[in-house]
């Protein structure tokens, strides 16, 4: 990396981990991860970054979460052959804006070297600088947030967990698509729900839990997936000042992280809002560790199904619809059984297509002469 990493990070102290009494410690994640020592910058396909920051939040205590989660994470067994590095914790700036700037610079530097990142917060206002890193790039990006609330409060002068989405939507010029998974209606005003569902995408908690596989295309299309622990019910994740009575079960949160890991597009995964001060016997930090473990396991099982490969190698399924003049062109992966559909659009009189992740059910709907809702939303967005 070109940046002087010594100025940005404090190495993680591995001696703080109470390792289990097992004979094959070389198979634990701690033995398969390269840790930044303060001297050389480890090269890896995936790096972990801790961000001990909570100054703009009422959920004080989240700053201690990165190391507490690591103490649980590195006791787990290695999920697969991997090239993983831990850069340690980002040094907090003199003020929170300095931390935001540093995080954005570091994440962007990782992207330039085609290195994916796991960000362990810290509070969810950190999604803003991560999105800023995407804004520095040449392409538009998609954001997926797993949370019970939209965070649309209005305060142009202060970035906080309550208004981070407002700042991203208002100020980030490269944001193309936003999806919320797991919102709870009673925590969001009708006005906010209508705004998000009209302009973006949102899946209510009950629907998301009823059809977990239906969440996968939303996550597969994202570049940055952020999971806020308040999306998990308090019986599974009590470590927050405002834990949610309802929410995803712990294993469901791990499943969502797995979808993010398997996505060939996701280059950043964030876990935010865990506050160890409210934890019970490390229950939430252990869950956080397992959420990250599932992302890591899936990341190293990716199938490299990018758009060019899909369009060039996979069989096309064309469907005629009476309501529109366009033929819907679907693709199915013989490797993973995942589906995609082309969304046509025009740029300066040139015909182009956007490859949108979808489900087999979307293909069946098209066969029954129904326009898939997600296809229609993106068709209008692009045209």
Protein backbone atom coordinates (compact mmCIF):
# COMPACT_ATOMS: atom_id res chain seq x y z
CA UNK A 1 0.00 0.00 0.00
CA UNK A 2 1.24 3.52 -0.74
CA UNK A 3 -0.10 5.03 2.47
CA UNK A 4 2.13 4.84 5.53
CA UNK A 5 0.20 2.27 7.50
CA UNK A 6 2.17 2.97 10.68
CA UNK A 7 0.39 6.29 10.86
CA UNK A 8 -3.06 4.68 10.66
CA UNK A 9 -3.09 1.46 12.69
CA UNK A 10 -2.38 0.01 16.10
CA UNK A 11 -1.59 -3.73 15.87
CA UNK A 12 -3.89 -6.17 17.62
CA UNK A 13 -2.34 -7.86 20.66
CA UNK A 14 -2.78 -11.61 20.07
CA UNK A 15 -1.71 -12.41 23.63
CA UNK A 16 -5.09 -11.16 24.90
CA UNK A 17 -6.84 -14.20 23.38
CA UNK A 18 -7.62 -17.04 25.77
CA UNK A 19 -7.14 -19.92 23.33
CA UNK A 20 -9.00 -23.20 23.87
CA UNK A 21 -7.10 -26.24 25.08
CA UNK A 22 -6.82 -28.11 21.79
CA UNK A 23 -3.92 -30.04 20.30
CA UNK A 24 -4.23 -28.68 16.77
CA UNK A 25 -3.91 -24.94 17.42
CA UNK A 26 -2.37 -24.57 13.96
CA UNK A 27 -5.88 -25.10 12.55
CA UNK A 28 -7.36 -22.19 14.50
CA UNK A 29 -7.97 -18.94 12.67
CA UNK A 30 -5.31 -17.18 14.76
CA UNK A 31 -2.67 -19.45 13.23
CA UNK A 32 -3.84 -18.90 9.66
CA UNK A 33 -4.10 -15.10 9.81
CA UNK A 34 -1.22 -12.71 9.17
CA UNK A 35 -1.23 -9.86 11.68
CA UNK A 36 0.19 -6.41 11.09
CA UNK A 37 3.10 -6.07 13.52
CA UNK A 38 3.83 -2.39 13.06
CA UNK A 39 6.56 -2.99 10.49
CA UNK A 40 5.52 -4.66 7.23
CA UNK A 41 2.10 -4.47 5.63
CA UNK A 42 0.67 -7.96 5.08
CA UNK A 43 -0.65 -8.75 1.62
CA UNK A 44 -3.92 -10.64 1.47
CA UNK A 45 -7.12 -11.16 -0.50
CA UNK A 46 -9.17 -10.09 2.53
CA UNK A 47 -8.22 -7.84 5.45
CA UNK A 48 -9.83 -7.11 8.80
CA UNK A 49 -9.92 -3.52 10.07
CA UNK A 50 -11.10 -2.59 13.55
CA UNK A 51 -12.52 0.91 14.06
CA UNK A 52 -12.87 1.80 17.78
CA UNK A 53 -15.12 4.81 17.26
CA UNK A 54 -18.40 5.79 18.95
CA UNK A 55 -18.06 9.53 19.64
CA UNK A 56 -21.06 10.56 17.53
CA UNK A 57 -23.32 7.97 19.10
CA UNK A 58 -25.33 7.53 22.28
CA UNK A 59 -24.28 3.86 22.24
CA UNK A 60 -21.06 4.56 24.15
CA UNK A 61 -18.88 1.50 24.56
CA UNK A 62 -18.90 0.27 20.96
CA UNK A 63 -15.31 1.45 20.61
CA UNK A 64 -14.20 -1.63 22.58
CA UNK A 65 -16.02 -4.08 20.30
CA UNK A 66 -13.30 -4.76 17.66
CA UNK A 67 -10.87 -6.41 20.10
CA UNK A 68 -13.60 -8.19 22.07
CA UNK A 69 -14.95 -9.71 18.84
CA UNK A 70 -11.42 -10.70 17.79
CA UNK A 71 -10.95 -12.58 21.09
CA UNK A 72 -13.85 -14.81 20.05
CA UNK A 73 -13.09 -14.90 16.31
CA UNK A 74 -9.54 -16.18 16.47
CA UNK A 75 -10.50 -19.08 18.74
CA UNK A 76 -12.55 -20.54 15.89
CA UNK A 77 -11.23 -23.11 13.45
CA UNK A 78 -10.06 -22.03 10.02
CA UNK A 79 -12.98 -22.41 7.60
CA UNK A 80 -10.86 -23.00 4.47
CA UNK A 81 -7.60 -22.27 2.73
CA UNK A 82 -7.33 -18.51 2.88
CA UNK A 83 -5.09 -15.50 2.59
CA UNK A 84 -6.37 -13.34 5.42
CA UNK A 85 -4.71 -10.46 7.23
CA UNK A 86 -5.61 -8.34 10.26
CA UNK A 87 -4.38 -4.76 10.04
CA UNK A 88 -5.29 -3.99 13.65
CA UNK A 89 -7.30 -1.00 14.84
CA UNK A 90 -7.55 2.33 13.07
CA UNK A 91 -6.15 5.00 15.36
CA UNK A 92 -8.98 7.37 16.43
CA UNK A 93 -8.51 10.88 15.08
CA UNK A 94 -8.39 14.03 17.18
CA UNK A 95 -12.04 14.40 16.25
CA UNK A 96 -14.47 11.99 14.69
CA UNK A 97 -14.15 13.57 11.24
CA UNK A 98 -10.47 12.67 11.26
CA UNK A 99 -11.44 9.05 11.89
CA UNK A 100 -13.93 9.19 9.01
CA UNK A 101 -11.25 10.58 6.68
CA UNK A 102 -8.69 7.96 7.70
CA UNK A 103 -11.16 5.08 7.30
CA UNK A 104 -12.16 6.28 3.85
CA UNK A 105 -8.52 6.57 2.75
CA UNK A 106 -7.55 3.13 4.06
CA UNK A 107 -10.56 1.35 2.55
CA UNK A 108 -10.02 3.07 -0.80
CA UNK A 109 -6.36 2.01 -0.75
CA UNK A 110 -7.49 -1.59 -0.21
CA UNK A 111 -9.89 -1.33 -3.13
CA UNK A 112 -7.13 -0.04 -5.41
CA UNK A 113 -5.18 -3.20 -4.63
CA UNK A 114 -8.27 -5.39 -5.17
CA UNK A 115 -8.32 -6.32 -1.51
CA UNK A 116 -11.69 -6.83 0.15
CA UNK A 117 -12.25 -5.54 3.69
CA UNK A 118 -14.12 -6.51 6.83
CA UNK A 119 -14.79 -3.48 9.02
CA UNK A 120 -15.48 -4.19 12.70
CA UNK A 121 -17.05 -1.18 14.43
CA UNK A 122 -17.70 0.91 16.22
CA UNK A 123 -21.03 2.49 15.43
CA UNK A 124 -22.95 2.51 12.19
CA UNK A 125 -22.15 6.10 11.26
CA UNK A 126 -18.93 4.49 9.96
CA UNK A 127 -20.90 3.38 6.90
CA UNK A 128 -20.59 6.97 5.63
CA UNK A 129 -16.78 7.01 5.21
CA UNK A 130 -16.81 3.48 3.78
CA UNK A 131 -19.28 4.69 1.16
CA UNK A 132 -16.99 7.68 0.63
CA UNK A 133 -14.25 5.22 -0.35
CA UNK A 134 -16.53 3.90 -3.09
CA UNK A 135 -17.24 7.45 -4.22
CA UNK A 136 -13.52 7.89 -4.91
CA UNK A 137 -13.72 5.09 -7.49
CA UNK A 138 -14.85 5.25 -11.09
CA UNK A 139 -17.99 3.13 -10.86
CA UNK A 140 -21.35 3.44 -9.18
CA UNK A 141 -21.90 1.21 -6.17
CA UNK A 142 -24.76 -0.56 -4.40
CA UNK A 143 -25.29 -0.49 -0.65
CA UNK A 144 -27.17 -3.11 1.38
CA UNK A 145 -27.85 -2.51 5.08
CA UNK A 146 -29.29 -5.12 7.42
CA UNK A 147 -31.00 -3.09 10.11
CA UNK A 148 -34.34 -2.55 11.84
CA UNK A 149 -34.40 1.18 11.04
CA UNK A 150 -33.54 3.34 8.02
CA UNK A 151 -31.59 6.08 9.85
CA UNK A 152 -33.09 9.00 7.95
CA UNK A 153 -33.06 11.74 10.58
CA UNK A 154 -32.05 15.14 9.23
CA UNK A 155 -28.94 16.91 10.55
CA UNK A 156 -26.68 18.29 7.79
CA UNK A 157 -23.92 19.30 10.22
CA UNK A 158 -23.44 16.08 12.17
CA UNK A 159 -23.08 12.49 10.96
CA UNK A 160 -24.58 10.04 13.44
CA UNK A 161 -26.06 6.54 13.57
CA UNK A 162 -29.51 8.13 13.35
CA UNK A 163 -28.89 9.99 10.09
CA UNK A 164 -26.07 8.14 8.33
CA UNK A 165 -28.32 7.04 5.46
CA UNK A 166 -29.49 10.62 4.90
CA UNK A 167 -25.87 11.72 4.46
CA UNK A 168 -25.13 8.85 2.05
CA UNK A 169 -28.21 9.38 -0.11
CA UNK A 170 -27.86 13.16 -0.14
CA UNK A 171 -24.13 13.56 -0.60
CA UNK A 172 -22.69 10.45 -2.26
CA UNK A 173 -22.71 10.94 -6.03
CA UNK A 174 -21.80 7.34 -6.85
CA UNK A 175 -24.58 5.58 -4.94
CA UNK A 176 -26.73 3.71 -7.46
CA UNK A 177 -28.88 1.43 -5.34
CA UNK A 178 -29.72 1.07 -1.65
CA UNK A 179 -31.46 -1.91 -0.05
CA UNK A 180 -32.58 -2.40 3.53
CA UNK A 181 -33.17 -5.93 4.80
CA UNK A 182 -35.08 -6.44 8.04
CA UNK A 183 -36.73 -3.10 8.72
CA UNK A 184 -39.43 -3.12 11.41
CA UNK A 185 -42.47 -1.01 10.57
CA UNK A 186 -43.12 0.29 14.10
CA UNK A 187 -39.58 1.75 14.26
CA UNK A 188 -39.95 3.75 11.03
CA UNK A 189 -42.37 6.51 10.12
CA UNK A 190 -44.85 5.86 7.26
CA UNK A 191 -43.21 8.76 5.42
CA UNK A 192 -39.75 7.17 5.63
CA UNK A 193 -41.05 3.75 4.59
CA UNK A 194 -42.83 5.23 1.59
CA UNK A 195 -39.73 7.21 0.59
CA UNK A 196 -37.41 4.19 0.74
CA UNK A 197 -39.80 1.81 -1.02
CA UNK A 198 -40.50 4.36 -3.75
CA UNK A 199 -36.89 5.25 -4.48
CA UNK A 200 -34.94 2.21 -3.31
CA UNK A 201 -35.61 -1.29 -1.99
CA UNK A 202 -36.62 -2.59 1.42
CA UNK A 203 -37.60 -5.99 2.81
CA UNK A 204 -39.68 -6.05 5.97
CA UNK A 205 -38.40 -8.30 8.77
CA UNK A 206 -41.30 -10.76 8.60
CA UNK A 207 -40.90 -11.24 4.86
CA UNK A 208 -37.11 -11.46 5.13
CA UNK A 209 -37.35 -14.19 7.77
CA UNK A 210 -40.07 -16.12 5.96
CA UNK A 211 -37.94 -16.40 2.82
CA UNK A 212 -34.26 -16.16 3.77
CA UNK A 213 -33.11 -17.24 0.31
CA UNK A 214 -35.10 -14.36 -1.17
CA UNK A 215 -32.65 -11.93 0.48
CA UNK A 216 -29.70 -13.38 -1.39
CA UNK A 217 -30.09 -11.48 -4.72
CA UNK A 218 -30.22 -8.13 -2.91
CA UNK A 219 -26.98 -8.92 -1.08
CA UNK A 220 -25.37 -10.46 -4.17
CA UNK A 221 -25.84 -7.19 -6.05
CA UNK A 222 -24.34 -5.04 -3.29
CA UNK A 223 -20.78 -3.75 -3.19
CA UNK A 224 -20.94 -2.90 0.50
CA UNK A 225 -23.02 -4.95 2.95
CA UNK A 226 -23.38 -3.58 6.49
CA UNK A 227 -24.95 -5.61 9.30
CA UNK A 228 -26.02 -3.68 12.38
CA UNK A 229 -26.44 -5.87 15.44
CA UNK A 230 -29.73 -4.12 16.26
CA UNK A 231 -31.21 -6.18 13.41
CA UNK A 232 -30.77 -9.27 15.63
CA UNK A 233 -33.26 -9.96 18.43
CA UNK A 234 -32.08 -9.14 21.94
CA UNK A 235 -32.26 -12.74 23.18
CA UNK A 236 -29.46 -13.54 20.73
CA UNK A 237 -27.65 -10.18 20.84
CA UNK A 238 -28.25 -8.15 24.03
CA UNK A 239 -25.12 -5.96 23.70
CA UNK A 240 -26.64 -2.64 22.70
CA UNK A 241 -28.18 0.32 24.51
CA UNK A 242 -31.37 -0.24 22.50
CA UNK A 243 -31.58 -3.97 21.71
CA UNK A 244 -34.50 -5.08 19.59
CA UNK A 245 -37.23 -7.33 21.02
CA UNK A 246 -37.77 -8.75 17.54
CA UNK A 247 -35.26 -9.36 14.80
CA UNK A 248 -33.24 -12.03 13.06
CA UNK A 249 -32.05 -15.06 14.98
CA UNK A 250 -28.29 -15.42 15.28
CA UNK A 251 -28.12 -18.22 12.72
CA UNK A 252 -30.12 -16.08 10.28
CA UNK A 253 -27.64 -13.23 10.67
CA UNK A 254 -24.86 -15.70 9.90
CA UNK A 255 -26.77 -16.83 6.80
CA UNK A 256 -27.00 -13.24 5.56
CA UNK A 257 -23.25 -12.83 6.12
CA UNK A 258 -22.70 -16.02 4.16
CA UNK A 259 -24.63 -14.58 1.21
CA UNK A 260 -22.39 -11.51 1.33
CA UNK A 261 -19.26 -13.64 1.38
CA UNK A 262 -20.40 -15.68 -1.63
CA UNK A 263 -21.17 -12.57 -3.69
CA UNK A 264 -18.47 -11.92 -6.28
CA UNK A 265 -19.33 -8.24 -6.03
CA UNK A 266 -19.20 -7.50 -2.29
CA UNK A 267 -15.86 -5.84 -1.53
CA UNK A 268 -16.67 -4.55 1.96
CA UNK A 269 -18.56 -6.13 4.85
CA UNK A 270 -19.24 -4.18 8.02
CA UNK A 271 -20.41 -5.24 11.48
CA UNK A 272 -21.52 -2.40 13.73
CA UNK A 273 -23.23 -1.40 17.01
CA UNK A 274 -22.02 -4.20 19.32
CA UNK A 275 -21.48 -2.71 22.78
CA UNK A 276 -19.55 -5.14 25.05
CA UNK A 277 -20.55 -3.13 28.15
CA UNK A 278 -24.06 -4.60 27.81
CA UNK A 279 -23.01 -8.11 26.83
CA UNK A 280 -23.81 -11.26 28.78
CA UNK A 281 -21.00 -13.81 29.03
CA UNK A 282 -19.63 -12.61 25.66
CA UNK A 283 -22.82 -13.78 23.95
CA UNK A 284 -23.00 -10.96 21.39
CA UNK A 285 -19.29 -10.71 20.68
CA UNK A 286 -19.26 -14.48 20.11
CA UNK A 287 -22.16 -14.09 17.69
CA UNK A 288 -20.33 -11.22 15.98
CA UNK A 289 -17.30 -13.46 15.59
CA UNK A 290 -19.41 -16.19 14.03
CA UNK A 291 -21.07 -13.71 11.67
CA UNK A 292 -17.61 -12.66 10.46
CA UNK A 293 -16.50 -16.31 10.30
CA UNK A 294 -19.35 -17.11 7.92
CA UNK A 295 -18.40 -14.20 5.69
CA UNK A 296 -14.76 -15.37 5.63
CA UNK A 297 -15.71 -18.98 4.91
CA UNK A 298 -17.93 -17.98 1.99
CA UNK A 299 -15.52 -15.36 0.65
CA UNK A 300 -12.93 -18.02 -0.09
CA UNK A 301 -15.55 -20.14 -1.88
CA UNK A 302 -16.50 -17.54 -4.48
CA UNK A 303 -17.07 -18.81 -8.02
CA UNK A 304 -15.86 -15.76 -9.97
CA UNK A 305 -19.18 -15.30 -11.71
CA UNK A 306 -18.75 -11.77 -13.02
CA UNK A 307 -20.99 -10.18 -15.65
CA UNK A 308 -18.71 -10.86 -18.61
CA UNK A 309 -18.33 -14.52 -17.68
CA UNK A 310 -22.05 -14.99 -17.11
CA UNK A 311 -23.07 -13.44 -20.43
CA UNK A 312 -20.37 -15.28 -22.32
CA UNK A 313 -20.62 -18.74 -20.81
CA UNK A 314 -24.09 -19.33 -19.40
CA UNK A 315 -27.19 -20.43 -21.24
CA UNK A 316 -29.82 -17.77 -21.97
CA UNK A 317 -33.51 -18.19 -21.16
CA UNK A 318 -35.63 -15.72 -23.13
CA UNK A 319 -39.17 -14.89 -22.04
CA UNK A 320 -41.73 -12.81 -23.98
CA UNK A 321 -44.04 -10.57 -21.98
CA UNK A 322 -47.27 -9.13 -23.38
CA UNK A 323 -47.10 -5.89 -21.34
CA UNK A 324 -43.74 -4.74 -22.68
CA UNK A 325 -41.87 -4.88 -25.95
CA UNK A 326 -38.69 -6.13 -24.29
CA UNK A 327 -37.78 -9.79 -24.02
CA UNK A 328 -36.56 -10.76 -20.60
CA UNK A 329 -33.24 -12.56 -20.84
CA UNK A 330 -32.38 -14.78 -17.86
CA UNK A 331 -29.21 -16.65 -17.01
CA UNK A 332 -28.73 -19.58 -14.65
CA UNK A 333 -25.42 -20.62 -13.12
CA UNK A 334 -24.62 -24.34 -13.49
CA UNK A 335 -22.16 -23.90 -10.61
CA UNK A 336 -24.41 -22.36 -7.97
CA UNK A 337 -27.95 -22.45 -9.47
CA UNK A 338 -28.13 -18.66 -9.01
CA UNK A 339 -30.16 -16.58 -11.48
CA UNK A 340 -29.71 -13.21 -13.21
CA UNK A 341 -31.83 -11.16 -15.59
CA UNK A 342 -30.81 -8.48 -18.08
CA UNK A 343 -32.28 -4.99 -17.71
CA UNK A 344 -31.99 -3.06 -21.01
CA UNK A 345 -31.28 0.68 -21.14
CA UNK A 346 -29.91 3.28 -23.53
CA UNK A 347 -26.89 5.57 -23.22
CA UNK A 348 -26.44 8.12 -26.02
CA UNK A 349 -28.57 5.99 -28.36
CA UNK A 350 -26.50 2.90 -27.58
CA UNK A 351 -28.26 -0.17 -26.24
CA UNK A 352 -26.82 -1.64 -23.07
CA UNK A 353 -27.89 -4.13 -20.40
CA UNK A 354 -27.55 -4.17 -16.63
CA UNK A 355 -27.23 -7.64 -15.13
CA UNK A 356 -29.55 -7.88 -12.14
CA UNK A 357 -29.51 -10.72 -9.62
CA UNK A 358 -32.85 -12.48 -9.29
CA UNK A 359 -34.46 -15.74 -8.21
CA UNK A 360 -35.89 -18.76 -9.95
CA UNK A 361 -39.30 -17.50 -8.81
CA UNK A 362 -38.72 -14.32 -10.87
CA UNK A 363 -38.13 -16.51 -13.91
CA UNK A 364 -41.35 -18.43 -13.23
CA UNK A 365 -43.28 -15.16 -12.82
CA UNK A 366 -42.03 -13.97 -16.20
CA UNK A 367 -43.13 -17.27 -17.69
CA UNK A 368 -46.61 -16.57 -16.31
CA UNK A 369 -46.56 -13.15 -18.00
CA UNK A 370 -45.83 -11.25 -14.78
CA UNK A 371 -43.18 -8.54 -14.73
CA UNK A 372 -40.81 -9.22 -11.78
CA UNK A 373 -41.10 -6.27 -9.41
CA UNK A 374 -37.37 -5.82 -9.01
CA UNK A 375 -36.76 -5.89 -12.77
CA UNK A 376 -39.39 -3.19 -13.28
CA UNK A 377 -37.91 -0.97 -10.57
CA UNK A 378 -34.43 -1.12 -12.11
CA UNK A 379 -35.80 -0.68 -15.63
CA UNK A 380 -37.38 2.62 -14.54
CA UNK A 381 -34.23 3.63 -12.64
CA UNK A 382 -32.00 3.04 -15.67
CA UNK A 383 -34.34 4.52 -18.26
